[in-house]
Amino acid sequence: NFLPWDTKLILFNLTQPLFLITFFFCSQVADYIPQLAKFSPDLWAVSLCTVDGQRHTVGDTKVPFCLQSCVKPLKYAIAVHDHGTEYVHQFIGKEPSGLRFNKLFLNEDEYLCLLFLSCVLKQGAGNAEKFDYVLNFLKKMAGNEYVGFSNATFQSERESGDRNFAIGYYLKEKKCFPTGTDMTAVLDLYFQLCSIEVTCESASVMAATLANGGFCPITGERVLSPEAVRDTLSLMHSCGMYDFSGQFAFHVGLPAKSGVAGGILLVVPNVMGIMCWSPSLDKLGNSVRGIQFCTDLVSLFNFHNYDNLRHFTKKHDPRREGGDQRYTFGPLDYESLQKELALKDTVWTKVSPTECNEDSSTTVVYRMENVGDGN
């Protein structure tokens, strides 16, 4: 399967200028994890996968990188899939904190969420079994494409994770962990899961699985329950972009999750999943190129959650047949239309005139011209 050439051209035109932009004055590669600081700030890649398995990639899409915080919604989805929403949210909240992601604060739902989820995944199992369980689950979401592990990043993050340990001990002192929990083992698993490696191509399939209601578009396998997907996308929409979540929800209007390795996992529900990756970060820890791409994407396509799909004529809609053209019912005043055409018992059928084998006296076909012609 291939995307329409005009859609590919638009995506190409979106990504190319971002290769040439130097973010010297406003961004830098994450340096508090030494292994991440080794990536070039010039790396830039975008990969997408639609819910029917169509693919498109631009840039350094085969370079492996760590999920970091992009693993958080995936862990949450697995926990809800296994235990249900009601059980999971006995321990974690739904509101964005409005605080920095590493703030030492009791209501730090994001950290508490990750540490708690590390406890409930494969309850009773050791870290090795839990890690294998999550890794195999993510491979299913990725359609068995590349999902690996960076031991160097794990060791680097573990050695420089004093603040994470401080948060862990603080939560332990406040009795936020289930009874009998080994806090250091939980943090080890947290570091391991953040160090899971993907490429833009494999991560875009994970995003597409979320866009497709839990079915992997490559294998056709149901990986996640509808409940898990719905709740995951809801939290990604409200909490997924650190302190920028409100701005992102307003301007882009799509569920997404960023990570300090430079990835942005973007989901267009019922349409496609996208992974953007560039290690150059803004002051809030989001990929500068990735944010710009997502903003430009919804300025050209009507993917914003609140865009009107029928009357927003200034944007492209690749969901329509033939790009911006489609066959549709209309006008809606059936009685006046029948009088005008002197027809009775009209059959309203969505059908192309070139493919119509039915009696034209009983089938009325309407075509909406290219929406761009009206501008």
Protein backbone atom coordinates (compact mmCIF):
# COMPACT_ATOMS: atom_id res chain seq x y z
CA ASN A 1 0.00 0.00 0.00
CA PHE A 2 1.13 3.54 -0.76
CA LEU A 3 -0.03 6.95 0.33
CA PRO A 4 -1.33 9.28 -2.42
CA TRP A 5 1.57 11.11 -4.05
CA ASP A 6 0.13 14.51 -3.12
CA THR A 7 0.01 13.53 0.56
CA LYS A 8 3.61 12.30 0.37
CA LEU A 9 4.66 15.56 -1.27
CA ILE A 10 3.03 17.61 1.49
CA LEU A 11 4.77 15.52 4.18
CA PHE A 12 8.07 15.88 2.34
CA ASN A 13 7.64 19.64 2.16
CA LEU A 14 6.86 19.69 5.90
CA THR A 15 9.99 17.83 6.93
CA GLN A 16 12.64 19.24 4.58
CA PRO A 17 12.89 22.81 5.98
CA LEU A 18 13.39 21.35 9.46
CA PHE A 19 16.57 19.61 8.28
CA LEU A 20 18.08 23.00 7.52
CA ILE A 21 17.09 24.86 10.68
CA THR A 22 19.76 25.31 13.32
CA PHE A 23 18.33 25.31 16.82
CA PHE A 24 21.60 26.57 18.31
CA PHE A 25 20.06 29.39 20.30
CA CYS A 26 16.96 27.69 21.68
CA SER A 27 17.67 23.99 22.16
CA GLN A 28 20.17 21.36 23.19
CA VAL A 29 20.50 17.60 23.46
CA ALA A 30 19.60 16.13 26.87
CA ASP A 31 22.84 16.02 28.85
CA TYR A 32 21.75 14.92 32.33
CA ILE A 33 21.82 11.33 31.01
CA PRO A 34 25.37 11.05 29.59
CA GLN A 35 24.51 8.44 26.95
CA LEU A 36 21.81 10.68 25.43
CA ALA A 37 24.27 13.58 25.16
CA LYS A 38 26.22 11.59 22.54
CA PHE A 39 23.49 11.97 19.87
CA SER A 40 23.94 14.56 17.15
CA PRO A 41 21.43 17.44 17.33
CA ASP A 42 21.21 17.31 13.52
CA LEU A 43 19.43 13.94 13.44
CA TRP A 44 15.83 14.25 12.27
CA ALA A 45 13.28 11.62 11.23
CA VAL A 46 9.54 11.20 10.74
CA SER A 47 7.74 7.92 10.13
CA LEU A 48 4.03 7.24 9.84
CA CYS A 49 1.85 4.17 9.62
CA THR A 50 -1.84 4.34 8.79
CA VAL A 51 -4.49 2.09 10.33
CA ASP A 52 -4.62 0.09 7.08
CA GLY A 53 -0.86 -0.46 7.04
CA GLN A 54 0.35 2.22 4.64
CA ARG A 55 3.84 3.54 5.44
CA HIS A 56 5.90 6.65 4.76
CA THR A 57 9.29 7.66 6.17
CA VAL A 58 11.59 10.67 5.87
CA GLY A 59 15.08 11.15 7.32
CA ASP A 60 17.06 9.05 9.79
CA THR A 61 14.22 6.62 10.43
CA LYS A 62 16.39 3.51 10.92
CA VAL A 63 18.60 4.97 13.68
CA PRO A 64 17.74 3.32 17.04
CA PHE A 65 16.96 5.57 20.00
CA CYS A 66 15.50 5.04 23.47
CA LEU A 67 11.83 5.58 24.20
CA GLN A 68 12.51 7.28 27.55
CA SER A 69 9.20 8.90 28.62
CA CYS A 70 7.46 7.73 25.43
CA VAL A 71 7.25 4.34 27.15
CA LYS A 72 4.97 5.74 29.87
CA PRO A 73 1.65 5.64 27.97
CA LEU A 74 2.57 2.20 26.64
CA LYS A 75 3.15 0.91 30.18
CA TYR A 76 -0.11 2.47 31.27
CA ALA A 77 -1.95 0.83 28.36
CA ILE A 78 -0.55 -2.57 29.31
CA ALA A 79 -1.56 -2.10 32.96
CA VAL A 80 -5.13 -1.09 32.06
CA HIS A 81 -5.33 -3.94 29.55
CA ASP A 82 -4.30 -6.42 32.26
CA HIS A 83 -6.08 -4.98 35.33
CA GLY A 84 -8.76 -2.54 34.14
CA THR A 85 -9.11 1.21 34.59
CA GLU A 86 -10.82 1.10 37.97
CA TYR A 87 -8.02 -0.85 39.63
CA VAL A 88 -5.19 1.20 38.12
CA HIS A 89 -6.76 4.53 39.08
CA GLN A 90 -7.14 3.51 42.70
CA PHE A 91 -3.47 4.47 42.93
CA ILE A 92 -2.81 7.11 40.28
CA GLY A 93 -4.64 10.26 39.22
CA LYS A 94 -5.82 11.70 35.94
CA GLU A 95 -5.02 15.40 36.33
CA PRO A 96 -1.88 16.97 34.84
CA SER A 97 0.34 18.26 37.64
CA GLY A 98 1.48 21.44 35.89
CA LEU A 99 4.95 20.81 37.36
CA ARG A 100 8.31 19.84 35.88
CA PHE A 101 8.57 16.13 35.12
CA ASN A 102 11.27 15.57 37.78
CA LYS A 103 9.79 17.78 40.51
CA LEU A 104 10.09 16.39 44.04
CA PHE A 105 6.44 16.65 45.02
CA LEU A 106 3.95 14.16 46.43
CA ASN A 107 1.32 14.80 43.76
CA GLU A 108 3.82 13.99 41.05
CA ASP A 109 1.35 11.67 39.33
CA GLU A 110 3.61 10.98 36.38
CA TYR A 111 6.45 9.53 38.44
CA LEU A 112 4.12 7.81 40.89
CA CYS A 113 2.30 6.35 37.91
CA LEU A 114 5.47 4.85 36.46
CA LEU A 115 6.71 3.50 39.75
CA PHE A 116 3.30 2.06 40.64
CA LEU A 117 2.89 0.49 37.20
CA SER A 118 6.26 -1.17 37.63
CA CYS A 119 4.78 -2.83 40.73
CA VAL A 120 1.58 -4.13 39.13
CA LEU A 121 2.94 -5.42 35.82
CA LYS A 122 3.24 -9.21 36.10
CA GLN A 123 2.61 -9.10 39.85
CA GLY A 124 4.70 -11.61 41.76
CA ALA A 125 7.32 -11.86 39.02
CA GLY A 126 10.91 -10.66 39.20
CA ASN A 127 12.32 -7.75 37.22
CA ALA A 128 13.68 -9.97 34.46
CA GLU A 129 10.29 -11.56 33.81
CA LYS A 130 8.52 -8.20 34.01
CA PHE A 131 10.93 -6.64 31.55
CA ASP A 132 10.55 -9.52 29.08
CA TYR A 133 6.76 -9.27 29.40
CA VAL A 134 6.71 -5.56 28.56
CA LEU A 135 9.29 -5.95 25.78
CA ASN A 136 7.31 -8.73 24.09
CA PHE A 137 4.11 -6.71 24.47
CA LEU A 138 5.74 -3.73 22.75
CA LYS A 139 7.01 -5.99 19.97
CA LYS A 140 3.41 -7.06 19.33
CA MET A 141 2.36 -3.41 19.20
CA ALA A 142 5.19 -2.76 16.72
CA GLY A 143 4.14 -5.59 14.42
CA ASN A 144 7.31 -7.53 15.35
CA GLU A 145 9.51 -4.76 13.98
CA TYR A 146 12.62 -3.54 15.81
CA VAL A 147 12.28 -3.19 19.58
CA GLY A 148 15.56 -3.56 21.47
CA PHE A 149 17.37 -2.49 24.60
CA SER A 150 20.28 -0.11 25.20
CA ASN A 151 22.25 -1.44 28.14
CA ALA A 152 24.63 1.53 27.89
CA THR A 153 21.73 3.96 28.36
CA PHE A 154 20.35 1.88 31.24
CA GLN A 155 23.70 1.93 33.05
CA SER A 156 24.16 5.63 32.30
CA GLU A 157 20.70 6.51 33.60
CA ARG A 158 21.12 4.34 36.68
CA GLU A 159 24.47 5.94 37.57
CA SER A 160 23.12 9.49 37.14
CA GLY A 161 19.66 8.85 38.64
CA ASP A 162 20.12 10.45 42.05
CA ARG A 163 17.01 12.59 41.66
CA ASN A 164 14.95 9.57 40.66
CA PHE A 165 16.16 7.74 43.76
CA ALA A 166 15.32 10.81 45.86
CA ILE A 167 11.76 10.78 44.50
CA GLY A 168 11.55 7.04 45.12
CA TYR A 169 12.64 7.31 48.74
CA TYR A 170 10.29 10.25 49.28
CA LEU A 171 7.34 8.24 47.97
CA LYS A 172 8.42 5.25 50.06
CA GLU A 173 8.54 7.43 53.20
CA LYS A 174 4.99 8.63 52.40
CA LYS A 175 3.91 4.96 52.02
CA CYS A 176 2.90 5.37 48.38
CA PHE A 177 4.10 1.89 47.38
CA PRO A 178 2.17 -1.34 47.95
CA THR A 179 3.27 -3.29 51.02
CA GLY A 180 6.43 -5.33 50.50
CA THR A 181 7.61 -3.39 47.44
CA ASP A 182 11.36 -3.25 46.82
CA MET A 183 11.75 0.39 45.81
CA THR A 184 15.23 0.01 44.32
CA ALA A 185 14.06 -2.92 42.18
CA VAL A 186 11.12 -0.83 40.98
CA LEU A 187 13.48 1.99 39.98
CA ASP A 188 15.76 -0.48 38.19
CA LEU A 189 12.80 -1.67 36.12
CA TYR A 190 11.83 1.96 35.47
CA PHE A 191 15.33 2.69 34.12
CA GLN A 192 15.26 -0.49 32.02
CA LEU A 193 11.92 0.33 30.41
CA CYS A 194 13.04 3.89 29.62
CA SER A 195 16.08 2.34 27.89
CA ILE A 196 14.02 0.26 25.46
CA GLU A 197 15.14 1.08 21.92
CA VAL A 198 13.00 1.60 18.82
CA THR A 199 13.36 3.18 15.41
CA CYS A 200 10.98 5.76 14.01
CA GLU A 201 9.54 3.06 11.76
CA SER A 202 8.78 0.55 14.52
CA ALA A 203 7.48 3.22 16.92
CA SER A 204 5.10 4.55 14.26
CA VAL A 205 3.48 1.09 14.17
CA MET A 206 3.04 1.25 17.96
CA ALA A 207 1.31 4.61 17.54
CA ALA A 208 -0.80 3.18 14.72
CA THR A 209 -1.89 0.31 16.99
CA LEU A 210 -3.23 2.94 19.40
CA ALA A 211 -4.85 4.78 16.48
CA ASN A 212 -6.45 1.51 15.35
CA GLY A 213 -8.26 0.70 18.58
CA GLY A 214 -5.66 -1.78 19.81
CA PHE A 215 -5.29 -3.79 16.58
CA CYS A 216 -1.81 -3.84 15.08
CA PRO A 217 -2.22 -2.67 11.44
CA ILE A 218 0.71 -4.82 10.29
CA THR A 219 -0.23 -8.19 11.81
CA GLY A 220 -3.96 -7.66 12.35
CA GLU A 221 -3.63 -8.96 15.92
CA ARG A 222 -5.60 -7.40 18.75
CA VAL A 223 -2.95 -6.29 21.22
CA LEU A 224 -4.83 -3.90 23.54
CA SER A 225 -8.41 -3.68 24.75
CA PRO A 226 -10.58 -0.76 23.55
CA GLU A 227 -10.75 0.47 27.16
CA ALA A 228 -6.97 0.58 27.45
CA VAL A 229 -6.60 2.47 24.16
CA ARG A 230 -9.31 5.01 24.99
CA ASP A 231 -7.92 5.79 28.43
CA THR A 232 -4.34 5.95 27.19
CA LEU A 233 -5.19 8.43 24.43
CA SER A 234 -7.21 10.52 26.88
CA LEU A 235 -4.24 10.91 29.22
CA MET A 236 -1.81 11.48 26.35
CA HIS A 237 -4.04 14.34 25.18
CA SER A 238 -4.10 16.04 28.59
CA CYS A 239 -0.73 15.12 30.10
CA GLY A 240 1.60 13.86 27.38
CA MET A 241 3.87 16.82 26.64
CA TYR A 242 5.24 17.81 30.05
CA ASP A 243 4.56 21.49 30.88
CA PHE A 244 3.65 22.08 27.23
CA SER A 245 0.61 19.77 27.36
CA GLY A 246 -1.98 22.56 27.44
CA GLN A 247 -0.37 24.46 24.58
CA PHE A 248 -0.05 21.26 22.53
CA ALA A 249 -3.68 20.28 23.15
CA PHE A 250 -4.78 23.76 22.07
CA HIS A 251 -2.65 24.15 18.94
CA VAL A 252 -2.29 20.53 17.76
CA GLY A 253 -5.31 18.87 19.38
CA LEU A 254 -4.00 15.30 19.17
CA PRO A 255 -2.83 12.77 21.79
CA ALA A 256 0.96 12.65 21.97
CA LYS A 257 3.84 11.75 24.29
CA SER A 258 7.34 13.16 24.22
CA GLY A 259 10.59 11.87 25.65
CA VAL A 260 13.96 13.42 26.44
CA ALA A 261 15.65 11.24 23.81
CA GLY A 262 13.87 13.47 21.27
CA GLY A 263 10.91 11.32 20.31
CA ILE A 264 7.29 12.43 19.97
CA LEU A 265 4.73 9.63 19.67
CA LEU A 266 1.72 11.19 17.91
CA VAL A 267 -1.65 9.47 17.37
CA VAL A 268 -4.33 10.54 14.89
CA PRO A 269 -7.20 8.33 16.14
CA ASN A 270 -8.73 6.08 13.48
CA VAL A 271 -6.24 7.41 10.90
CA MET A 272 -2.56 6.82 11.67
CA GLY A 273 0.33 6.88 14.11
CA ILE A 274 3.45 9.02 13.74
CA MET A 275 6.84 9.03 15.41
CA CYS A 276 8.95 12.18 15.11
CA TRP A 277 12.51 12.08 16.39
CA SER A 278 15.16 14.74 16.79
CA PRO A 279 17.42 14.88 19.87
CA SER A 280 17.45 18.69 19.96
CA LEU A 281 15.16 19.69 22.87
CA ASP A 282 13.53 22.89 24.07
CA LYS A 283 13.66 24.06 27.69
CA LEU A 284 10.66 21.87 28.58
CA GLY A 285 12.25 18.66 27.28
CA ASN A 286 10.32 18.37 24.00
CA SER A 287 11.86 17.91 20.55
CA VAL A 288 11.96 21.31 18.84
CA ARG A 289 11.69 19.88 15.34
CA GLY A 290 9.01 17.43 16.48
CA ILE A 291 6.83 20.17 17.97
CA GLN A 292 7.19 22.26 14.83
CA PHE A 293 6.30 19.30 12.61
CA CYS A 294 3.16 18.48 14.62
CA THR A 295 2.06 22.12 14.51
CA ASP A 296 2.64 22.35 10.76
CA LEU A 297 0.88 19.02 10.20
CA VAL A 298 -2.44 20.19 11.67
CA SER A 299 -2.15 23.53 9.89
CA LEU A 300 -2.24 21.68 6.54
CA PHE A 301 -4.44 18.66 7.36
CA ASN A 302 -7.71 18.76 9.31
CA PHE A 303 -6.45 16.36 11.99
CA HIS A 304 -7.02 18.66 14.97
CA ASN A 305 -9.55 17.02 17.28
CA TYR A 306 -11.97 19.90 16.78
CA ASP A 307 -11.53 20.59 13.06
CA ASN A 308 -14.78 20.29 11.14
CA LEU A 309 -14.34 17.48 8.64
CA ARG A 310 -16.96 18.71 6.18
CA HIS A 311 -16.74 22.49 6.06
CA PHE A 312 -13.09 23.28 6.82
CA THR A 313 -12.13 24.05 3.23
CA LYS A 314 -8.66 25.49 3.83
CA LYS A 315 -7.12 22.19 4.93
CA HIS A 316 -6.42 18.91 3.15
CA ASP A 317 -8.23 15.74 4.16
CA PRO A 318 -6.39 12.60 2.97
CA ARG A 319 -9.20 10.46 4.42
CA ARG A 320 -11.42 11.41 1.52
CA GLU A 321 -11.47 9.25 -1.58
CA GLY A 322 -8.94 10.49 -4.10
CA GLY A 323 -7.42 12.94 -1.62
CA ASP A 324 -9.62 16.03 -1.51
CA GLN A 325 -12.43 14.56 -3.60
CA ARG A 326 -15.14 12.19 -2.45
CA TYR A 327 -18.61 11.05 -3.28
CA THR A 328 -21.20 12.02 -0.73
CA PHE A 329 -24.88 12.31 -0.12
CA GLY A 330 -26.52 15.64 -0.70
CA PRO A 331 -28.18 17.97 -0.67
CA LEU A 332 -30.03 16.95 2.48
CA ASP A 333 -33.42 18.31 1.32
CA TYR A 334 -34.57 14.98 -0.11
CA GLU A 335 -38.18 16.05 -0.70
CA SER A 336 -37.28 19.08 -2.81
CA LEU A 337 -34.69 17.05 -4.67
CA GLN A 338 -37.13 14.31 -5.57
CA LYS A 339 -39.60 16.86 -6.88
CA GLU A 340 -36.87 18.44 -8.96
CA LEU A 341 -35.80 15.13 -10.45
CA ALA A 342 -39.32 13.72 -10.61
CA LEU A 343 -38.13 10.51 -9.00
CA LYS A 344 -39.90 8.17 -6.62
CA ASP A 345 -38.45 5.56 -4.29
CA THR A 346 -34.99 7.01 -4.71
CA VAL A 347 -32.19 4.78 -3.47
CA TRP A 348 -29.45 6.79 -1.79
CA THR A 349 -26.19 5.00 -2.43
CA LYS A 350 -22.59 6.14 -2.10
CA VAL A 351 -21.26 5.09 -5.49
CA SER A 352 -18.89 6.36 -8.16
CA PRO A 353 -20.64 7.16 -11.48
CA THR A 354 -17.92 5.28 -13.35
CA GLU A 355 -18.57 2.17 -11.25
CA CYS A 356 -22.35 2.36 -11.16
CA ASN A 357 -24.05 -0.67 -12.68
CA GLU A 358 -27.45 0.11 -11.21
CA ASP A 359 -30.43 1.65 -12.95
CA SER A 360 -29.72 5.40 -12.94
CA SER A 361 -33.43 6.09 -12.51
CA THR A 362 -33.32 4.70 -8.99
CA THR A 363 -29.83 5.73 -7.93
CA VAL A 364 -28.76 9.34 -7.44
CA VAL A 365 -25.05 10.04 -7.17
CA TYR A 366 -23.59 13.31 -5.88
CA ARG A 367 -20.05 14.49 -6.09
CA MET A 368 -18.40 17.19 -3.99
CA GLU A 369 -15.77 19.03 -6.04
CA ASN A 370 -12.25 19.71 -4.80
CA VAL A 371 -12.61 21.78 -1.65
CA GLY A 372 -9.61 23.87 -2.67
CA ASP A 373 -11.48 25.25 -5.68
CA GLY A 374 -13.70 27.36 -3.44
CA ASN A 375 -10.81 29.43 -2.01
